[in-house]
N, C-alpha and C. Protein backbone atom coordinates (compact mmCIF):
# COMPACT_ATOMS: atom_id res chain seq x y z
N UNK A 1 27.15 27.44 65.87
CA UNK A 1 26.43 26.80 64.88
C UNK A 1 28.22 25.73 64.96
N UNK A 2 28.02 24.85 64.02
CA UNK A 2 28.53 23.37 63.90
C UNK A 2 29.90 23.85 63.53
N UNK A 3 30.15 24.75 62.81
CA UNK A 3 31.35 25.30 62.32
C UNK A 3 32.22 26.16 63.42
N UNK A 4 31.30 26.70 63.76
CA UNK A 4 31.89 27.67 65.31
C UNK A 4 32.60 26.83 66.62
N UNK A 5 31.70 25.64 66.47
CA UNK A 5 32.27 24.21 67.67
C UNK A 5 33.77 23.23 67.26
N UNK A 6 33.95 23.31 66.15
CA UNK A 6 34.83 22.82 65.49
C UNK A 6 36.43 23.51 65.89
N UNK A 7 37.32 22.91 65.80
CA UNK A 7 38.15 23.83 66.14
C UNK A 7 39.54 23.95 65.34
N UNK A 8 39.28 22.42 64.18
CA UNK A 8 40.43 22.60 62.59
C UNK A 8 39.23 22.03 61.50
N UNK A 9 39.35 23.05 60.36
CA UNK A 9 38.90 22.51 59.26
C UNK A 9 39.93 21.82 58.44
N UNK A 10 39.71 20.65 57.81
CA UNK A 10 41.26 20.00 57.39
C UNK A 10 40.76 19.80 55.80
N UNK A 11 41.52 20.81 54.88
CA UNK A 11 41.45 20.33 53.05
C UNK A 11 41.84 19.54 52.61
N UNK A 12 41.79 19.16 51.88
CA UNK A 12 43.07 18.42 50.47
C UNK A 12 42.97 19.31 49.18
N UNK A 13 44.06 18.91 48.15
CA UNK A 13 44.08 19.38 47.37
C UNK A 13 42.88 18.81 45.99
N UNK A 14 42.51 17.31 47.23
CA UNK A 14 42.15 16.54 46.59
C UNK A 14 40.50 17.22 45.37
N UNK A 15 39.75 17.87 46.89
CA UNK A 15 38.40 17.94 46.70
C UNK A 15 38.18 19.45 45.83
N UNK A 16 38.93 20.41 45.40
CA UNK A 16 38.81 21.38 44.43
C UNK A 16 38.98 20.88 42.93
N UNK A 17 39.65 19.88 43.12
CA UNK A 17 39.89 19.18 41.22
C UNK A 17 38.94 18.30 41.23
N UNK A 18 38.19 18.21 41.65
CA UNK A 18 36.61 17.44 41.36
C UNK A 18 35.95 17.76 40.67
N UNK A 19 35.59 19.17 40.99
CA UNK A 19 34.61 19.73 40.03
C UNK A 19 34.32 21.12 40.39
N UNK A 20 34.51 22.31 39.66
CA UNK A 20 33.80 23.51 39.87
C UNK A 20 32.78 23.44 41.34
N UNK A 21 31.90 22.78 41.31
CA UNK A 21 31.10 23.09 42.48
C UNK A 21 31.90 22.80 44.02
N UNK A 22 32.80 21.61 43.75
CA UNK A 22 33.45 21.09 44.94
C UNK A 22 34.19 22.13 45.75
N UNK A 23 35.36 22.61 44.25
CA UNK A 23 36.30 23.78 44.52
C UNK A 23 35.52 24.77 45.39
N UNK A 24 34.43 25.28 44.87
CA UNK A 24 33.35 26.50 45.47
C UNK A 24 33.34 26.18 46.96
N UNK A 25 32.92 24.80 47.07
CA UNK A 25 32.62 24.61 48.29
C UNK A 25 33.81 24.47 49.48
N UNK A 26 34.80 23.97 48.69
CA UNK A 26 35.96 24.03 49.51
C UNK A 26 36.44 25.77 49.83
N UNK A 27 35.87 26.40 48.98
CA UNK A 27 36.66 28.09 49.30
C UNK A 27 36.01 28.33 50.36
N UNK A 28 34.24 27.93 50.17
CA UNK A 28 33.46 28.83 51.10
C UNK A 28 33.50 27.74 52.65
N UNK A 29 33.68 27.03 52.86
CA UNK A 29 34.41 26.13 53.99
C UNK A 29 35.62 27.13 54.48
N UNK A 30 36.68 27.14 53.86
CA UNK A 30 37.41 28.06 54.58
C UNK A 30 37.55 29.30 54.66
N UNK A 31 36.58 30.15 53.68
CA UNK A 31 36.00 31.69 54.46
C UNK A 31 35.72 31.14 55.80
N UNK A 32 34.21 30.68 55.72
CA UNK A 32 33.62 30.62 57.28
C UNK A 32 34.38 29.73 58.10
N UNK A 33 35.80 28.98 58.07
CA UNK A 33 35.92 28.39 58.96
C UNK A 33 36.97 29.54 59.92
N UNK A 34 37.29 30.59 58.72
CA UNK A 34 38.27 31.40 59.40
C UNK A 34 37.70 32.57 60.01
N UNK A 35 36.41 32.45 59.31
CA UNK A 35 35.91 33.95 59.71
C UNK A 35 35.16 33.28 61.84
N UNK A 36 35.16 31.91 61.58
CA UNK A 36 34.75 31.61 62.90
C UNK A 36 36.16 31.61 63.52
N UNK A 37 37.09 31.80 63.39
CA UNK A 37 38.26 31.59 64.21
C UNK A 37 38.73 30.14 64.36
N UNK A 38 38.42 29.27 63.24
CA UNK A 38 38.90 27.86 63.28
C UNK A 38 40.83 27.77 62.77
N UNK A 39 41.26 26.95 63.14
CA UNK A 39 42.56 26.84 62.36
C UNK A 39 41.86 25.92 60.88
N UNK A 40 42.42 26.47 60.17
CA UNK A 40 42.71 26.11 58.29
C UNK A 40 43.67 25.12 58.33
N UNK A 41 43.79 23.92 58.51
CA UNK A 41 44.73 23.06 57.79
C UNK A 41 44.29 22.66 56.26
N UNK A 42 45.71 22.50 55.68
CA UNK A 42 45.60 21.98 53.75
C UNK A 42 46.66 21.42 54.17
N UNK A 43 46.39 20.09 53.18
CA UNK A 43 47.05 18.91 52.83
C UNK A 43 47.21 19.20 51.35
N UNK A 44 48.23 19.12 50.27
CA UNK A 44 48.60 19.52 49.30
C UNK A 44 47.62 18.38 48.49
N UNK A 45 48.01 17.27 48.55
CA UNK A 45 47.41 16.11 48.57
C UNK A 45 47.56 15.72 46.59
N UNK A 46 48.56 15.95 46.14
CA UNK A 46 48.25 16.38 44.58
C UNK A 46 48.35 14.93 43.87
N UNK A 47 46.85 15.08 43.26
CA UNK A 47 46.55 13.91 42.14
C UNK A 47 46.60 14.67 41.03
N UNK A 48 47.51 14.56 39.72
CA UNK A 48 47.42 15.01 38.47
C UNK A 48 45.90 14.62 38.15
N UNK A 49 45.87 13.69 37.75
CA UNK A 49 44.80 12.92 36.80
C UNK A 49 43.71 13.48 37.10
N UNK A 50 43.05 14.25 38.28
CA UNK A 50 41.97 14.34 38.81
C UNK A 50 42.21 16.39 38.07
N UNK A 51 43.32 16.87 37.59
CA UNK A 51 43.35 17.93 37.40
C UNK A 51 43.42 18.25 35.73
N UNK A 52 43.52 16.94 34.96
CA UNK A 52 43.22 17.04 34.13
C UNK A 52 43.25 18.51 33.05
N UNK A 53 44.54 18.98 33.11
CA UNK A 53 45.03 20.12 32.68
C UNK A 53 44.65 21.15 32.81
N UNK A 54 43.95 21.54 33.91
CA UNK A 54 43.60 22.49 34.82
C UNK A 54 44.58 23.09 35.35
N UNK A 55 44.57 24.05 35.70
CA UNK A 55 45.57 24.95 37.19
C UNK A 55 45.31 24.67 38.23
N UNK A 56 46.59 23.52 38.56
CA UNK A 56 46.23 23.24 40.01
C UNK A 56 46.94 24.42 41.08
N UNK A 57 48.12 24.50 40.49
CA UNK A 57 49.40 25.66 41.23
C UNK A 57 48.54 26.42 41.60
N UNK A 58 47.64 27.43 41.19
CA UNK A 58 46.90 28.55 41.38
C UNK A 58 45.74 28.35 42.94
N UNK A 59 45.36 27.06 42.61
CA UNK A 59 44.17 26.43 42.84
C UNK A 59 45.15 26.14 45.05
N UNK A 60 46.56 25.70 44.83
CA UNK A 60 47.06 25.07 45.61
C UNK A 60 47.86 26.71 46.74
N UNK A 61 48.28 27.44 46.14
CA UNK A 61 48.85 28.56 46.07
C UNK A 61 47.57 29.58 47.16
N UNK A 62 46.57 29.45 46.83
CA UNK A 62 45.55 30.33 47.66
C UNK A 62 44.96 29.63 48.36
N UNK A 63 44.88 28.07 48.35
CA UNK A 63 44.79 27.38 49.58
C UNK A 63 46.34 28.15 50.80
N UNK A 64 47.35 27.35 50.50
CA UNK A 64 48.30 27.86 50.93
C UNK A 64 48.58 29.06 51.97
N UNK A 65 47.80 29.64 51.41
CA UNK A 65 47.94 31.36 51.59
C UNK A 65 46.98 31.54 52.63
N UNK A 66 45.76 30.97 52.71
CA UNK A 66 44.95 31.14 53.51
C UNK A 66 44.56 30.17 54.85
N UNK A 67 45.79 29.20 54.83
CA UNK A 67 45.40 28.03 55.68
C UNK A 67 46.84 28.59 56.48
N UNK A 68 46.07 28.41 58.15
CA UNK A 68 47.20 28.32 59.24
C UNK A 68 47.85 26.89 59.11
N UNK A 69 48.11 26.09 58.90
CA UNK A 69 48.60 24.65 58.63
C UNK A 69 49.05 24.31 57.11
N UNK A 70 50.20 24.32 56.98
CA UNK A 70 50.03 23.34 55.34
C UNK A 70 50.85 21.77 55.15
N UNK A 71 50.42 21.11 54.79
CA UNK A 71 51.05 19.87 54.38
C UNK A 71 51.31 19.67 53.35
N UNK A 72 53.10 19.60 52.51
CA UNK A 72 53.32 19.06 51.80
C UNK A 72 54.52 17.81 51.17
N UNK A 73 54.70 17.26 50.64
CA UNK A 73 55.79 16.08 50.22
C UNK A 73 56.47 17.78 49.39
N UNK A 74 58.05 17.07 48.92
CA UNK A 74 59.16 17.66 48.53
C UNK A 74 58.39 18.37 47.13
N UNK A 75 57.59 17.31 46.04
CA UNK A 75 57.62 18.13 44.84
C UNK A 75 56.11 18.79 44.72
N UNK A 76 54.86 18.32 46.02
CA UNK A 76 53.97 19.01 45.85
C UNK A 76 54.54 20.60 46.50
N UNK A 77 55.69 20.66 47.63
CA UNK A 77 55.57 21.60 47.87
C UNK A 77 56.04 22.98 46.53
N UNK A 78 57.24 22.15 46.00
CA UNK A 78 58.06 22.62 44.76
C UNK A 78 57.11 23.02 43.53
N UNK A 79 56.18 22.43 43.99
CA UNK A 79 54.98 22.79 42.09
C UNK A 79 54.08 24.57 43.20
N UNK A 80 54.17 24.66 44.63
CA UNK A 80 53.79 25.50 45.22
C UNK A 80 54.60 27.18 44.80
N UNK A 81 56.03 26.90 45.42
CA UNK A 81 56.78 27.30 45.46
C UNK A 81 58.10 27.65 45.02
N UNK A 82 58.37 26.40 43.38
CA UNK A 82 58.86 26.15 43.08
C UNK A 82 60.56 25.39 43.81
N UNK A 83 61.38 25.04 42.82
CA UNK A 83 62.58 23.73 43.25
C UNK A 83 63.17 24.38 44.52
N UNK A 84 63.51 23.79 45.57
CA UNK A 84 64.47 24.48 46.13
C UNK A 84 65.00 23.49 47.20
N UNK A 85 65.77 24.33 48.32
CA UNK A 85 65.93 23.09 49.07
C UNK A 85 64.79 22.75 50.12
N UNK A 86 64.67 21.87 51.04
CA UNK A 86 63.49 21.62 52.09
C UNK A 86 63.73 22.71 53.05
N UNK A 87 64.94 23.27 53.31
CA UNK A 87 64.28 24.26 53.88
C UNK A 87 63.97 25.54 53.78
N UNK A 88 64.59 25.98 52.40
CA UNK A 88 63.92 27.04 51.91
C UNK A 88 62.32 26.74 51.20
N UNK A 89 61.93 25.02 51.01
CA UNK A 89 60.42 25.07 50.86
C UNK A 89 59.42 25.66 51.49
N UNK A 90 59.81 25.22 52.58
CA UNK A 90 58.90 25.06 54.29
C UNK A 90 59.13 26.81 54.32
N UNK A 91 60.31 27.76 54.51
CA UNK A 91 60.11 29.15 54.42
C UNK A 91 59.33 29.86 53.64
N UNK A 92 59.49 29.28 52.23
CA UNK A 92 58.92 29.91 51.18
C UNK A 92 57.26 30.10 51.04
N UNK A 93 56.43 28.23 51.64
CA UNK A 93 55.02 28.48 51.93
C UNK A 93 54.55 29.08 52.94
N UNK A 94 55.94 29.03 53.85
CA UNK A 94 55.37 29.84 55.57
C UNK A 94 54.98 31.28 54.96
N UNK A 95 55.68 31.35 53.66
CA UNK A 95 55.90 33.29 53.91
C UNK A 95 54.31 33.90 53.27
N UNK A 96 53.93 32.44 52.43
CA UNK A 96 52.44 32.73 51.66
C UNK A 96 51.35 33.06 52.45
N UNK A 97 52.08 32.46 54.18
CA UNK A 97 50.85 32.99 55.35
C UNK A 97 50.89 32.41 56.21
N UNK A 98 51.25 30.87 55.72
CA UNK A 98 51.21 29.71 57.14
C UNK A 98 52.03 29.93 57.85
N UNK A 99 51.43 29.51 59.06
CA UNK A 99 52.06 29.77 60.75
C UNK A 99 52.84 28.68 61.05
N UNK A 100 52.16 27.40 60.12
CA UNK A 100 53.22 26.12 60.02
C UNK A 100 53.13 25.39 58.81
N UNK A 101 54.49 24.84 58.43
CA UNK A 101 54.28 24.11 57.31
C UNK A 101 54.98 23.06 57.59
N UNK A 102 54.71 21.46 57.06
CA UNK A 102 55.04 20.52 57.49
C UNK A 102 55.45 19.86 56.05
N UNK A 103 56.76 19.10 55.42
CA UNK A 103 57.56 18.75 54.90
C UNK A 103 57.40 17.32 55.22
N UNK A 104 56.25 16.54 54.17
CA UNK A 104 56.37 14.93 54.43
C UNK A 104 57.82 14.34 53.33
N UNK A 105 58.79 14.07 54.02
CA UNK A 105 59.97 13.26 53.62
C UNK A 105 59.60 11.49 53.32
N UNK A 106 58.98 11.03 53.65
CA UNK A 106 58.64 9.47 53.03
C UNK A 106 60.18 9.50 53.57
N UNK A 107 60.46 8.02 53.25
CA UNK A 107 61.75 6.95 54.21
C UNK A 107 63.25 8.03 54.89
N UNK A 108 62.65 9.63 54.76
CA UNK A 108 63.50 10.56 55.42
C UNK A 108 62.97 11.06 56.52
N UNK A 109 61.85 10.57 56.52
CA UNK A 109 61.08 11.30 57.76
C UNK A 109 60.35 12.45 57.37
N UNK A 110 60.32 13.90 58.60
CA UNK A 110 59.80 14.76 58.43
C UNK A 110 60.55 16.39 58.38
N UNK A 111 60.23 17.33 57.72
CA UNK A 111 60.60 18.72 58.56
C UNK A 111 59.28 19.84 58.71
N UNK A 112 59.45 20.35 59.76
CA UNK A 112 58.44 21.35 60.30
C UNK A 112 58.89 22.83 60.41
N UNK A 113 58.27 23.06 59.72
CA UNK A 113 58.75 25.05 59.90
C UNK A 113 57.28 25.53 60.79
N UNK A 114 57.80 26.03 62.38
CA UNK A 114 56.60 26.25 63.18
C UNK A 114 56.82 27.94 63.65
N UNK A 115 56.60 28.85 62.93
CA UNK A 115 56.58 30.03 63.63
C UNK A 115 57.98 30.39 63.60
N UNK A 116 58.54 30.51 62.20
CA UNK A 116 60.28 30.29 62.20
C UNK A 116 61.06 29.27 62.74
N UNK A 117 60.73 28.48 63.21
CA UNK A 117 61.58 27.78 64.15
C UNK A 117 61.37 26.09 63.06
N UNK A 118 62.77 25.51 63.06
CA UNK A 118 62.42 24.33 61.63
C UNK A 118 63.45 23.07 62.75
N UNK A 119 62.41 22.31 62.43
CA UNK A 119 62.70 21.08 63.61
C UNK A 119 62.37 19.72 62.39
N UNK A 120 63.13 18.57 62.25
CA UNK A 120 63.65 17.70 61.53
C UNK A 120 63.47 16.06 62.08
N UNK A 121 62.72 15.51 61.77
CA UNK A 121 62.08 14.03 62.47
C UNK A 121 62.54 13.26 61.29
N UNK A 122 63.63 12.26 62.06
CA UNK A 122 63.77 10.77 61.23
C UNK A 122 62.80 9.83 61.00
N UNK A 123 62.75 9.13 60.04
CA UNK A 123 61.59 8.52 60.39
C UNK A 123 62.09 7.14 60.68
N UNK A 124 60.83 6.54 61.22
CA UNK A 124 60.77 5.11 62.05
C UNK A 124 61.76 4.24 60.76
N UNK A 125 62.89 3.58 61.71
CA UNK A 125 63.41 2.02 60.19
C UNK A 125 62.58 1.06 60.81
N UNK A 126 61.79 1.29 59.44
CA UNK A 126 60.58 -0.09 59.02
C UNK A 126 60.87 -0.47 57.61
N UNK A 127 60.32 -1.92 57.80
CA UNK A 127 60.63 -2.46 56.30
C UNK A 127 58.62 -2.32 55.62
N UNK A 128 58.93 -1.22 54.50
CA UNK A 128 57.44 -0.59 54.34
C UNK A 128 56.75 -2.00 53.11
N UNK A 129 55.39 -2.32 54.38
CA UNK A 129 54.64 -3.47 52.97
C UNK A 129 53.56 -2.52 51.66
N UNK A 130 53.48 -0.98 52.14
CA UNK A 130 52.50 -0.65 51.56
C UNK A 130 52.72 0.81 51.74
N UNK A 131 53.18 1.74 51.22
CA UNK A 131 53.19 3.64 51.25
C UNK A 131 51.78 4.16 51.51
N UNK A 132 50.26 3.06 50.67
CA UNK A 132 49.88 3.99 50.33
C UNK A 132 49.48 4.39 52.13
N UNK A 133 48.75 5.82 51.96
CA UNK A 133 48.11 6.00 52.67
C UNK A 133 49.36 6.66 54.38
N UNK A 134 50.50 6.50 53.61
CA UNK A 134 51.03 7.34 54.90
C UNK A 134 51.20 8.44 55.17
N UNK A 135 50.96 9.59 54.36
CA UNK A 135 50.71 11.37 53.81
C UNK A 135 49.57 11.26 54.99
N UNK A 136 48.22 10.19 54.51
CA UNK A 136 47.01 10.69 55.15
C UNK A 136 47.75 10.70 56.65
N UNK A 137 47.92 9.89 57.07
CA UNK A 137 48.24 8.95 58.27
C UNK A 137 49.34 9.84 58.88
N UNK A 138 49.84 10.61 58.15
CA UNK A 138 50.91 11.66 58.92
C UNK A 138 50.47 12.73 59.73
N UNK A 139 49.40 13.30 58.44
CA UNK A 139 48.55 14.35 58.95
C UNK A 139 47.96 14.23 59.91
N UNK A 140 47.14 13.00 60.36
CA UNK A 140 46.15 12.08 61.06
C UNK A 140 46.77 12.89 62.89
N UNK A 141 48.44 12.02 62.62
CA UNK A 141 48.61 12.10 63.95
C UNK A 141 49.08 13.65 64.18
N UNK A 142 49.69 14.31 63.39
CA UNK A 142 49.71 15.93 63.75
C UNK A 142 49.04 16.85 64.17
N UNK A 143 47.25 16.38 63.63
CA UNK A 143 46.58 17.47 64.00
C UNK A 143 45.76 16.13 65.35
N UNK A 144 46.12 15.36 65.39
CA UNK A 144 45.60 15.08 66.64
C UNK A 144 46.04 15.56 67.37
N UNK A 145 47.60 15.32 67.76
CA UNK A 145 48.46 16.21 68.51
C UNK A 145 48.17 17.35 68.90
N UNK A 146 47.53 18.10 67.77
CA UNK A 146 47.40 19.29 67.76
C UNK A 146 46.16 20.26 68.81
N UNK A 147 45.14 18.91 68.57
CA UNK A 147 44.02 19.24 69.00
C UNK A 147 44.13 18.61 70.09
N UNK A 148 45.21 18.49 71.43
CA UNK A 148 45.48 17.71 72.42
C UNK A 148 46.19 18.88 72.77
N UNK A 149 46.69 20.14 71.98
CA UNK A 149 47.51 21.22 72.62
C UNK A 149 49.13 20.59 73.01
N UNK A 150 49.92 19.68 72.31
CA UNK A 150 50.67 19.22 72.40
C UNK A 150 52.21 20.26 71.67
N UNK A 151 53.11 19.81 72.22
CA UNK A 151 54.17 21.07 71.59
C UNK A 151 54.43 20.53 70.21
N UNK A 152 55.06 21.34 69.41
CA UNK A 152 55.42 20.71 68.28
C UNK A 152 56.31 19.39 68.08
N UNK A 153 56.76 19.88 68.60
CA UNK A 153 57.66 18.44 69.18
C UNK A 153 57.08 17.15 68.95
N UNK A 154 56.24 16.81 69.69
CA UNK A 154 54.97 16.03 69.92
C UNK A 154 54.59 15.27 68.60
N UNK A 155 53.97 16.56 68.03
CA UNK A 155 52.88 16.29 67.02
C UNK A 155 54.05 15.84 65.50
N UNK A 156 55.46 16.18 65.87
CA UNK A 156 56.02 15.69 64.98
C UNK A 156 56.62 14.09 64.66
N UNK A 157 56.53 14.07 66.65
CA UNK A 157 56.96 12.67 66.23
C UNK A 157 55.96 11.51 66.12
N UNK A 158 54.44 12.03 66.60
CA UNK A 158 53.45 11.08 66.23
C UNK A 158 52.83 11.09 64.93
N UNK A 159 53.14 12.33 64.30
CA UNK A 159 53.31 12.25 62.64
C UNK A 159 53.68 11.30 61.93
N UNK A 160 55.19 11.29 62.39
CA UNK A 160 56.30 10.58 61.69
C UNK A 160 55.69 9.02 62.30
N UNK A 161 55.24 8.79 63.60
CA UNK A 161 54.95 7.50 64.04
C UNK A 161 53.93 6.81 62.86
N UNK A 162 52.45 7.55 63.05
CA UNK A 162 51.54 7.68 62.76
C UNK A 162 51.96 6.86 60.67
N UNK A 163 52.77 8.17 60.00
CA UNK A 163 53.13 7.70 59.10
C UNK A 163 53.72 6.33 58.64
N UNK A 164 54.47 5.97 59.56
CA UNK A 164 55.48 4.18 59.31
C UNK A 164 54.31 3.20 59.37
N UNK A 165 53.47 3.31 60.67
CA UNK A 165 52.90 2.50 60.95
C UNK A 165 52.02 2.13 59.62
N UNK A 166 51.35 3.42 59.00
CA UNK A 166 50.78 2.93 58.00
C UNK A 166 51.14 2.31 57.28
N UNK A 167 52.52 2.22 57.16
CA UNK A 167 53.48 1.33 56.07
C UNK A 167 53.07 0.07 56.43
N UNK A 168 53.06 -0.21 57.15
CA UNK A 168 53.20 -1.67 57.72
C UNK A 168 52.03 -2.51 57.19
N UNK A 169 50.75 -2.27 56.58
CA UNK A 169 49.92 -3.17 56.00
C UNK A 169 49.55 -2.65 54.63
N UNK A 170 48.68 -3.73 53.93
CA UNK A 170 48.45 -3.07 52.64
C UNK A 170 46.94 -2.42 52.86
N UNK A 171 47.25 -1.21 51.80
CA UNK A 171 46.23 -0.32 51.89
C UNK A 171 46.47 1.07 52.23
N UNK A 172 45.10 1.90 52.29
CA UNK A 172 45.58 2.93 52.55
C UNK A 172 45.06 3.33 54.41
N UNK A 173 44.07 2.39 54.89
CA UNK A 173 43.47 2.12 55.78
C UNK A 173 43.54 0.93 56.72
N UNK A 174 43.39 -0.62 56.13
CA UNK A 174 43.57 -1.66 56.44
C UNK A 174 44.51 -1.93 57.95
N UNK A 175 45.67 -1.14 57.65
CA UNK A 175 46.67 -1.04 58.83
C UNK A 175 46.37 -0.44 59.88
N UNK A 176 45.30 0.34 60.19
CA UNK A 176 44.63 1.03 61.23
C UNK A 176 45.05 0.98 62.92
């Protein structure tokens, strides 16, 4: 099957916010990916306006518990596990079941919890033009290195670099 041939399924918190059928599709895709032995990647990517008073937290906790890799900003991570220090945020999310948790820290870089080891990478010193798309670029950089079987340090380095480069132009993809 096509899904069996893929190695990483990447989902975000945006899709389940769109509709009940979209949420069901995400759940079905995650279940199928896990059954096929694929790596499941989840980027919280919280958009409060899309949830319109519905409970995003329960959905995020469920997806984080089913994912192998979780990506979140500080505030997004705190939605899932409560306010804590950065190290405690990644550890608490990992305690839900993920083997890797990447905390996107913007101008401060990023922190990754990977199988119990915590790595920090400072941000590249840039003058941002527009930060829209930086988080998505970070995730793309990380996952591209994962697919190349690069060590965690290289995944984090590429992710931070991709996030920085995304900030050097206007829009979320135009500076690609």
